[in-house]
Structure formats: structure tokens, C-alpha cells
Amino acid sequence: MTTPDDHSLLRHAIALATEAREGGDPPFGSLLAAPDGTVLAEDRNTTLTDRDITAHPELKPARWAAREPDGPTTARTALCTGCRPCGMCEAAVRRAGLGRVVFALSNEQLLDIRPDGGPPPVPQDGPALLDEVRDVVEGYYR
């Protein structure tokens, strides 16, 4: 359930999205907020100007959160973003240990308003060579 404070932070994220669009990038912006609403980190999409497909505004605050604050502080943060994070960004948000995500536009809603419907899925084959990869991975996460 979103709150009036969440809505204020979302408006800030939407303003960042406007800046991204005005700068020639896709219209997405995000910020990371402390429990009291203080903005800890913010960014906008720069995938075109940086020529970096990973320059998503949800990924940048997640990277910051994984480096800077301690775990308990990070677990109380909220990522506020104009659009629900894509799969790449969602994985980064989980790995960084952010507390919650608040978004204005769902992925389904975004696809409805995108004329091209987004990029096509990439075919994937696997699993394969389980025994060989198990030797490398097994025991790492203990």
C-alpha cells in the first residue's frame, strides 16, 4: 500500500524521468529513500547518452546501496521509480538488499503504451554440463 509520502517520492522519480527524456534518454528515473524520506541516491536513465545498456536508474541506486550503507540501513530503504524494475534491475535490488520498491507504472502498463512492445525474448538453451559446473559452484554459498 502506498502512502502520501511514497507519492511525493514517486513524483520526484517522475521528474527525474522527465530530465532523462529531455536529455535524449528513455524516460525513467529512480531514487533511493531512507525511512524518513531522505533521498540517499537518485539517478535517471542514461542508456543512450552513456551508450550503456545497463545504465538503468534502478540499477544505479542499487549499486550504491550495495557499496555504501550497512546492511540494516539498506534493508530499511525504499526504491521509488517511475516504472517497475526490469528483470536485471530487480535482481540487483534483491542482491543489494533494498527494503522495498515503490513504482508508478507496471511492466504490463509500459508494454501497453510502447508502440513496439519491447525487445523480443532471447532463446535460451540449458541446463547443460551440470557435473562440470557443479564442481566450480558447489560449496561457494556455504
N, C-alpha and C. Protein backbone atom coordinates (compact mmCIF):
# COMPACT_ATOMS: atom_id res chain seq x y z
N MET A 1 0.84 -1.17 0.00
CA MET A 1 0.00 0.00 0.00
C MET A 1 0.89 1.24 0.00
N THR A 2 0.68 2.12 -0.94
CA THR A 2 1.49 3.34 -0.99
C THR A 2 0.89 4.42 -0.11
N THR A 3 1.76 5.32 0.33
CA THR A 3 1.37 6.40 1.23
C THR A 3 1.52 7.75 0.52
N PRO A 4 1.01 8.82 1.11
CA PRO A 4 1.25 10.16 0.54
C PRO A 4 2.75 10.48 0.44
N ASP A 5 3.54 10.02 1.41
CA ASP A 5 5.00 10.23 1.33
C ASP A 5 5.58 9.48 0.13
N ASP A 6 5.10 8.24 -0.11
CA ASP A 6 5.54 7.49 -1.29
C ASP A 6 5.20 8.26 -2.56
N HIS A 7 4.01 8.85 -2.60
CA HIS A 7 3.58 9.59 -3.79
C HIS A 7 4.48 10.79 -4.05
N SER A 8 4.90 11.45 -2.99
CA SER A 8 5.81 12.58 -3.13
C SER A 8 7.15 12.12 -3.71
N LEU A 9 7.66 11.01 -3.21
CA LEU A 9 8.91 10.46 -3.72
C LEU A 9 8.76 9.98 -5.17
N LEU A 10 7.62 9.39 -5.48
CA LEU A 10 7.36 8.98 -6.87
C LEU A 10 7.34 10.18 -7.81
N ARG A 11 6.78 11.27 -7.35
CA ARG A 11 6.76 12.49 -8.18
C ARG A 11 8.20 12.95 -8.47
N HIS A 12 9.07 12.82 -7.48
CA HIS A 12 10.48 13.16 -7.67
C HIS A 12 11.09 12.22 -8.73
N ALA A 13 10.79 10.93 -8.64
CA ALA A 13 11.29 9.96 -9.63
C ALA A 13 10.76 10.28 -11.03
N ILE A 14 9.50 10.70 -11.11
CA ILE A 14 8.92 11.06 -12.40
C ILE A 14 9.60 12.32 -12.96
N ALA A 15 9.97 13.25 -12.09
CA ALA A 15 10.71 14.43 -12.54
C ALA A 15 12.08 14.02 -13.10
N LEU A 16 12.72 13.04 -12.47
CA LEU A 16 13.98 12.52 -13.00
C LEU A 16 13.78 11.87 -14.37
N ALA A 17 12.64 11.20 -14.53
CA ALA A 17 12.31 10.60 -15.83
C ALA A 17 12.14 11.67 -16.90
N THR A 18 11.52 12.77 -16.52
CA THR A 18 11.37 13.90 -17.44
C THR A 18 12.73 14.44 -17.86
N GLU A 19 13.65 14.57 -16.90
CA GLU A 19 15.02 15.01 -17.21
C GLU A 19 15.70 14.04 -18.18
N ALA A 20 15.50 12.74 -17.95
CA ALA A 20 16.11 11.75 -18.84
C ALA A 20 15.59 11.93 -20.27
N ARG A 21 14.29 12.06 -20.39
CA ARG A 21 13.69 12.22 -21.72
C ARG A 21 14.18 13.50 -22.39
N GLU A 22 14.21 14.59 -21.63
CA GLU A 22 14.69 15.86 -22.18
C GLU A 22 16.16 15.79 -22.59
N GLY A 23 16.92 14.90 -21.96
CA GLY A 23 18.33 14.72 -22.29
C GLY A 23 18.58 13.71 -23.40
N GLY A 24 17.50 13.16 -23.97
CA GLY A 24 17.64 12.24 -25.09
C GLY A 24 17.68 10.77 -24.71
N ASP A 25 17.35 10.48 -23.47
CA ASP A 25 17.36 9.09 -22.99
C ASP A 25 15.93 8.61 -22.75
N PRO A 26 15.75 7.30 -22.57
CA PRO A 26 14.42 6.78 -22.23
C PRO A 26 13.92 7.43 -20.93
N PRO A 27 12.60 7.62 -20.81
CA PRO A 27 12.03 8.40 -19.71
C PRO A 27 11.85 7.63 -18.40
N PHE A 28 12.96 7.37 -17.75
CA PHE A 28 12.90 6.64 -16.49
C PHE A 28 13.82 7.29 -15.46
N GLY A 29 13.33 7.37 -14.22
CA GLY A 29 14.10 7.92 -13.12
C GLY A 29 13.78 7.18 -11.83
N SER A 30 14.74 7.15 -10.92
CA SER A 30 14.57 6.44 -9.66
C SER A 30 15.33 7.14 -8.55
N LEU A 31 14.89 6.87 -7.33
CA LEU A 31 15.63 7.36 -6.17
C LEU A 31 15.54 6.33 -5.06
N LEU A 32 16.51 6.40 -4.19
CA LEU A 32 16.55 5.53 -3.02
C LEU A 32 16.33 6.41 -1.80
N ALA A 33 15.32 6.07 -1.00
CA ALA A 33 14.96 6.89 0.15
C ALA A 33 15.14 6.14 1.46
N ALA A 34 15.59 6.87 2.47
CA ALA A 34 15.66 6.35 3.83
C ALA A 34 14.24 6.29 4.39
N PRO A 35 14.04 5.60 5.52
CA PRO A 35 12.70 5.52 6.11
C PRO A 35 12.06 6.88 6.41
N ASP A 36 12.88 7.89 6.69
CA ASP A 36 12.33 9.22 6.98
C ASP A 36 12.06 10.03 5.72
N GLY A 37 12.30 9.45 4.54
CA GLY A 37 12.04 10.12 3.27
C GLY A 37 13.23 10.85 2.69
N THR A 38 14.34 10.86 3.41
CA THR A 38 15.56 11.49 2.89
C THR A 38 16.03 10.74 1.65
N VAL A 39 16.32 11.47 0.59
CA VAL A 39 16.82 10.85 -0.64
C VAL A 39 18.31 10.56 -0.46
N LEU A 40 18.67 9.29 -0.52
CA LEU A 40 20.05 8.85 -0.34
C LEU A 40 20.82 8.80 -1.66
N ALA A 41 20.12 8.46 -2.72
CA ALA A 41 20.73 8.36 -4.05
C ALA A 41 19.61 8.53 -5.07
N GLU A 42 19.94 9.11 -6.21
CA GLU A 42 18.96 9.26 -7.28
C GLU A 42 19.68 9.23 -8.61
N ASP A 43 18.94 8.85 -9.64
CA ASP A 43 19.53 8.87 -10.97
C ASP A 43 18.43 8.77 -12.00
N ARG A 44 18.84 8.95 -13.24
CA ARG A 44 17.92 8.84 -14.36
C ARG A 44 18.53 7.91 -15.38
N ASN A 45 17.72 7.46 -16.31
CA ASN A 45 18.20 6.58 -17.36
C ASN A 45 19.19 7.34 -18.23
N THR A 46 20.33 6.69 -18.51
CA THR A 46 21.34 7.27 -19.40
C THR A 46 21.84 6.22 -20.40
N THR A 47 20.97 5.28 -20.76
CA THR A 47 21.40 4.19 -21.63
C THR A 47 21.87 4.67 -23.00
N LEU A 48 21.25 5.71 -23.53
CA LEU A 48 21.65 6.22 -24.85
C LEU A 48 22.84 7.17 -24.76
N THR A 49 22.79 8.13 -23.85
CA THR A 49 23.89 9.09 -23.77
C THR A 49 25.18 8.44 -23.29
N ASP A 50 25.09 7.43 -22.43
CA ASP A 50 26.28 6.71 -21.97
C ASP A 50 26.64 5.54 -22.89
N ARG A 51 25.75 5.23 -23.82
CA ARG A 51 25.94 4.06 -24.70
C ARG A 51 26.21 2.82 -23.85
N ASP A 52 25.36 2.63 -22.84
CA ASP A 52 25.50 1.54 -21.87
C ASP A 52 24.11 0.97 -21.59
N ILE A 53 23.85 -0.22 -22.07
CA ILE A 53 22.52 -0.82 -21.91
C ILE A 53 22.16 -1.10 -20.45
N THR A 54 23.14 -1.04 -19.55
CA THR A 54 22.87 -1.29 -18.14
C THR A 54 22.68 0.01 -17.34
N ALA A 55 22.67 1.15 -17.98
CA ALA A 55 22.58 2.44 -17.27
C ALA A 55 21.14 2.77 -16.89
N HIS A 56 20.47 1.81 -16.27
CA HIS A 56 19.10 2.00 -15.81
C HIS A 56 19.11 2.72 -14.47
N PRO A 57 18.11 3.58 -14.23
CA PRO A 57 18.11 4.35 -12.99
C PRO A 57 17.80 3.53 -11.74
N GLU A 58 17.25 2.35 -11.89
CA GLU A 58 17.02 1.47 -10.73
C GLU A 58 18.30 0.75 -10.34
N LEU A 59 19.12 0.46 -11.33
CA LEU A 59 20.37 -0.27 -11.08
C LEU A 59 21.40 0.60 -10.37
N LYS A 60 21.45 1.87 -10.72
CA LYS A 60 22.46 2.77 -10.14
C LYS A 60 22.29 2.94 -8.63
N PRO A 61 21.10 3.24 -8.10
CA PRO A 61 20.95 3.31 -6.64
C PRO A 61 21.17 1.96 -5.96
N ALA A 62 20.81 0.87 -6.63
CA ALA A 62 21.06 -0.46 -6.05
C ALA A 62 22.55 -0.70 -5.91
N ARG A 63 23.32 -0.33 -6.92
CA ARG A 63 24.78 -0.47 -6.83
C ARG A 63 25.32 0.36 -5.67
N TRP A 64 24.83 1.60 -5.56
CA TRP A 64 25.27 2.48 -4.48
C TRP A 64 24.95 1.84 -3.13
N ALA A 65 23.73 1.32 -2.99
CA ALA A 65 23.30 0.73 -1.72
C ALA A 65 24.11 -0.51 -1.37
N ALA A 66 24.59 -1.23 -2.36
CA ALA A 66 25.40 -2.41 -2.10
C ALA A 66 26.80 -2.02 -1.61
N ARG A 67 27.25 -0.81 -1.92
CA ARG A 67 28.60 -0.36 -1.55
C ARG A 67 28.63 0.48 -0.28
N GLU A 68 27.67 1.38 -0.09
CA GLU A 68 27.80 2.44 0.89
C GLU A 68 27.24 2.14 2.28
N PRO A 69 25.92 2.07 2.45
CA PRO A 69 25.41 1.90 3.82
C PRO A 69 25.60 0.46 4.31
N ASP A 70 25.38 0.27 5.60
CA ASP A 70 25.44 -1.09 6.14
C ASP A 70 24.14 -1.83 5.80
N GLY A 71 24.16 -3.15 5.98
CA GLY A 71 23.01 -3.99 5.63
C GLY A 71 21.71 -3.59 6.30
N PRO A 72 21.71 -3.36 7.62
CA PRO A 72 20.45 -2.97 8.27
C PRO A 72 19.88 -1.65 7.73
N THR A 73 20.74 -0.70 7.40
CA THR A 73 20.27 0.57 6.83
C THR A 73 19.67 0.33 5.46
N THR A 74 20.37 -0.44 4.64
CA THR A 74 19.89 -0.74 3.29
C THR A 74 18.55 -1.45 3.33
N ALA A 75 18.36 -2.35 4.28
CA ALA A 75 17.12 -3.12 4.38
C ALA A 75 15.91 -2.25 4.73
N ARG A 76 16.13 -1.02 5.17
CA ARG A 76 15.03 -0.12 5.50
C ARG A 76 14.75 0.91 4.40
N THR A 77 15.49 0.83 3.31
CA THR A 77 15.32 1.82 2.24
C THR A 77 14.15 1.45 1.33
N ALA A 78 13.74 2.45 0.54
CA ALA A 78 12.71 2.23 -0.48
C ALA A 78 13.24 2.79 -1.80
N LEU A 79 13.18 1.97 -2.83
CA LEU A 79 13.50 2.43 -4.18
C LEU A 79 12.20 2.92 -4.79
N CYS A 80 12.14 4.19 -5.14
CA CYS A 80 10.96 4.77 -5.75
C CYS A 80 11.29 5.04 -7.21
N THR A 81 10.45 4.52 -8.10
CA THR A 81 10.78 4.56 -9.51
C THR A 81 9.52 4.72 -10.36
N GLY A 82 9.70 5.37 -11.49
CA GLY A 82 8.57 5.61 -12.37
C GLY A 82 7.96 4.34 -12.94
N CYS A 83 8.77 3.35 -13.18
CA CYS A 83 8.30 2.08 -13.76
C CYS A 83 8.86 0.92 -12.96
N ARG A 84 8.10 -0.13 -12.83
CA ARG A 84 8.57 -1.31 -12.11
C ARG A 84 9.90 -1.77 -12.71
N PRO A 85 10.86 -2.12 -11.87
CA PRO A 85 12.17 -2.53 -12.38
C PRO A 85 12.09 -3.73 -13.33
N CYS A 86 12.93 -3.69 -14.36
CA CYS A 86 13.05 -4.82 -15.28
C CYS A 86 13.72 -5.98 -14.54
N GLY A 87 13.85 -7.10 -15.19
CA GLY A 87 14.46 -8.28 -14.56
C GLY A 87 15.88 -8.04 -14.08
N MET A 88 16.69 -7.34 -14.88
CA MET A 88 18.07 -7.05 -14.49
C MET A 88 18.09 -6.20 -13.22
N CYS A 89 17.28 -5.15 -13.21
CA CYS A 89 17.27 -4.25 -12.06
C CYS A 89 16.64 -4.91 -10.84
N GLU A 90 15.62 -5.71 -11.05
CA GLU A 90 15.00 -6.41 -9.93
C GLU A 90 16.01 -7.33 -9.25
N ALA A 91 16.83 -8.02 -10.04
CA ALA A 91 17.86 -8.88 -9.46
C ALA A 91 18.86 -8.06 -8.65
N ALA A 92 19.25 -6.89 -9.16
CA ALA A 92 20.19 -6.04 -8.44
C ALA A 92 19.58 -5.51 -7.14
N VAL A 93 18.31 -5.15 -7.19
CA VAL A 93 17.61 -4.67 -5.99
C VAL A 93 17.61 -5.76 -4.92
N ARG A 94 17.32 -6.99 -5.32
CA ARG A 94 17.33 -8.11 -4.36
C ARG A 94 18.72 -8.35 -3.82
N ARG A 95 19.73 -8.37 -4.70
CA ARG A 95 21.11 -8.63 -4.26
C ARG A 95 21.62 -7.53 -3.34
N ALA A 96 21.20 -6.29 -3.59
CA ALA A 96 21.64 -5.17 -2.75
C ALA A 96 20.95 -5.18 -1.39
N GLY A 97 19.81 -5.87 -1.29
CA GLY A 97 19.10 -5.97 -0.02
C GLY A 97 18.21 -4.78 0.29
N LEU A 98 17.71 -4.10 -0.75
CA LEU A 98 16.82 -2.96 -0.51
C LEU A 98 15.54 -3.44 0.17
N GLY A 99 14.93 -2.56 0.94
CA GLY A 99 13.76 -2.93 1.73
C GLY A 99 12.48 -3.10 0.93
N ARG A 100 12.25 -2.19 -0.02
CA ARG A 100 11.03 -2.26 -0.81
C ARG A 100 11.19 -1.43 -2.08
N VAL A 101 10.29 -1.69 -3.01
CA VAL A 101 10.23 -0.93 -4.26
C VAL A 101 8.83 -0.34 -4.38
N VAL A 102 8.76 0.93 -4.72
CA VAL A 102 7.50 1.61 -4.96
C VAL A 102 7.57 2.12 -6.40
N PHE A 103 6.59 1.75 -7.23
CA PHE A 103 6.64 2.15 -8.63
C PHE A 103 5.30 2.73 -9.07
N ALA A 104 5.35 3.56 -10.11
CA ALA A 104 4.15 4.20 -10.63
C ALA A 104 3.51 3.42 -11.77
N LEU A 105 4.31 2.81 -12.62
CA LEU A 105 3.84 2.16 -13.83
C LEU A 105 4.30 0.70 -13.83
N SER A 106 3.37 -0.24 -14.03
CA SER A 106 3.74 -1.65 -14.08
C SER A 106 4.38 -1.98 -15.42
N ASN A 107 5.05 -3.11 -15.49
CA ASN A 107 5.65 -3.55 -16.76
C ASN A 107 4.57 -3.77 -17.82
N GLU A 108 3.43 -4.33 -17.40
CA GLU A 108 2.33 -4.56 -18.34
C GLU A 108 1.80 -3.25 -18.89
N GLN A 109 1.66 -2.25 -18.02
CA GLN A 109 1.19 -0.94 -18.46
C GLN A 109 2.19 -0.29 -19.41
N LEU A 110 3.47 -0.47 -19.12
CA LEU A 110 4.50 0.06 -20.01
C LEU A 110 4.42 -0.58 -21.39
N LEU A 111 4.28 -1.89 -21.43
CA LEU A 111 4.19 -2.57 -22.72
C LEU A 111 2.95 -2.13 -23.50
N ASP A 112 1.88 -1.81 -22.80
CA ASP A 112 0.66 -1.33 -23.47
C ASP A 112 0.85 0.02 -24.15
N ILE A 113 1.73 0.86 -23.58
CA ILE A 113 1.92 2.19 -24.17
C ILE A 113 3.14 2.28 -25.08
N ARG A 114 3.95 1.22 -25.13
CA ARG A 114 5.09 1.19 -26.05
C ARG A 114 4.62 0.70 -27.41
N PRO A 115 4.86 1.45 -28.46
CA PRO A 115 4.38 1.02 -29.78
C PRO A 115 5.02 -0.27 -30.27
N ASP A 116 6.28 -0.53 -29.86
CA ASP A 116 6.97 -1.73 -30.35
C ASP A 116 6.82 -2.93 -29.43
N GLY A 117 6.22 -2.76 -28.27
CA GLY A 117 6.02 -3.87 -27.34
C GLY A 117 7.29 -4.33 -26.65
N GLY A 118 8.40 -3.67 -26.85
CA GLY A 118 9.66 -4.04 -26.20
C GLY A 118 10.45 -5.04 -27.01
N PRO A 119 11.68 -5.30 -26.56
CA PRO A 119 12.54 -6.23 -27.31
C PRO A 119 12.02 -7.66 -27.22
N PRO A 120 12.30 -8.45 -28.27
CA PRO A 120 11.85 -9.84 -28.24
C PRO A 120 12.66 -10.66 -27.24
N PRO A 121 12.09 -11.76 -26.73
CA PRO A 121 12.85 -12.61 -25.82
C PRO A 121 14.02 -13.27 -26.56
N VAL A 122 15.07 -13.55 -25.82
CA VAL A 122 16.25 -14.22 -26.38
C VAL A 122 16.12 -15.71 -26.10
N PRO A 123 16.24 -16.57 -27.12
CA PRO A 123 16.17 -18.02 -26.88
C PRO A 123 17.28 -18.46 -25.91
N GLN A 124 16.94 -19.37 -25.03
CA GLN A 124 17.91 -19.88 -24.06
C GLN A 124 17.90 -21.40 -24.11
N ASP A 125 19.07 -22.00 -24.03
CA ASP A 125 19.21 -23.45 -24.02
C ASP A 125 19.95 -23.87 -22.76
N GLY A 126 19.48 -24.88 -22.10
CA GLY A 126 20.15 -25.36 -20.90
C GLY A 126 19.12 -25.97 -19.97
N PRO A 127 19.52 -26.53 -18.91
CA PRO A 127 20.89 -26.63 -18.41
C PRO A 127 21.71 -27.66 -19.19
N ALA A 128 23.01 -27.51 -19.10
CA ALA A 128 23.94 -28.43 -19.75
C ALA A 128 25.23 -28.48 -18.92
N LEU A 129 25.96 -29.56 -19.00
CA LEU A 129 27.23 -29.75 -18.31
C LEU A 129 27.14 -29.55 -16.81
N LEU A 130 26.06 -30.09 -16.23
CA LEU A 130 25.80 -29.92 -14.80
C LEU A 130 26.97 -30.38 -13.93
N ASP A 131 27.53 -31.54 -14.21
CA ASP A 131 28.62 -32.04 -13.37
C ASP A 131 29.84 -31.12 -13.41
N GLU A 132 30.14 -30.58 -14.57
CA GLU A 132 31.31 -29.71 -14.70
C GLU A 132 31.11 -28.38 -13.96
N VAL A 133 29.95 -27.80 -14.08
CA VAL A 133 29.71 -26.53 -13.41
C VAL A 133 29.51 -26.73 -11.90
N ARG A 134 28.97 -27.87 -11.52
CA ARG A 134 28.77 -28.15 -10.10
C ARG A 134 30.11 -28.13 -9.36
N ASP A 135 31.16 -28.67 -9.98
CA ASP A 135 32.48 -28.68 -9.35
C ASP A 135 32.97 -27.27 -9.02
N VAL A 136 32.62 -26.31 -9.85
CA VAL A 136 33.05 -24.93 -9.64
C VAL A 136 32.18 -24.21 -8.61
N VAL A 137 30.88 -24.44 -8.65
CA VAL A 137 29.93 -23.67 -7.84
C VAL A 137 29.69 -24.28 -6.46
N GLU A 138 29.65 -25.59 -6.38
CA GLU A 138 29.28 -26.25 -5.13
C GLU A 138 30.20 -25.83 -3.98
N GLY A 139 29.60 -25.50 -2.89
CA GLY A 139 30.34 -25.12 -1.70
C GLY A 139 30.59 -23.62 -1.58
N TYR A 140 30.43 -22.87 -2.66
CA TYR A 140 30.68 -21.43 -2.60
C TYR A 140 29.70 -20.73 -1.65
N TYR A 141 28.45 -21.14 -1.66
CA TYR A 141 27.41 -20.43 -0.90
C TYR A 141 27.23 -20.96 0.52
N ARG A 142 28.16 -21.67 1.03
CA ARG A 142 28.03 -22.18 2.41
C ARG A 142 28.65 -21.27 3.40
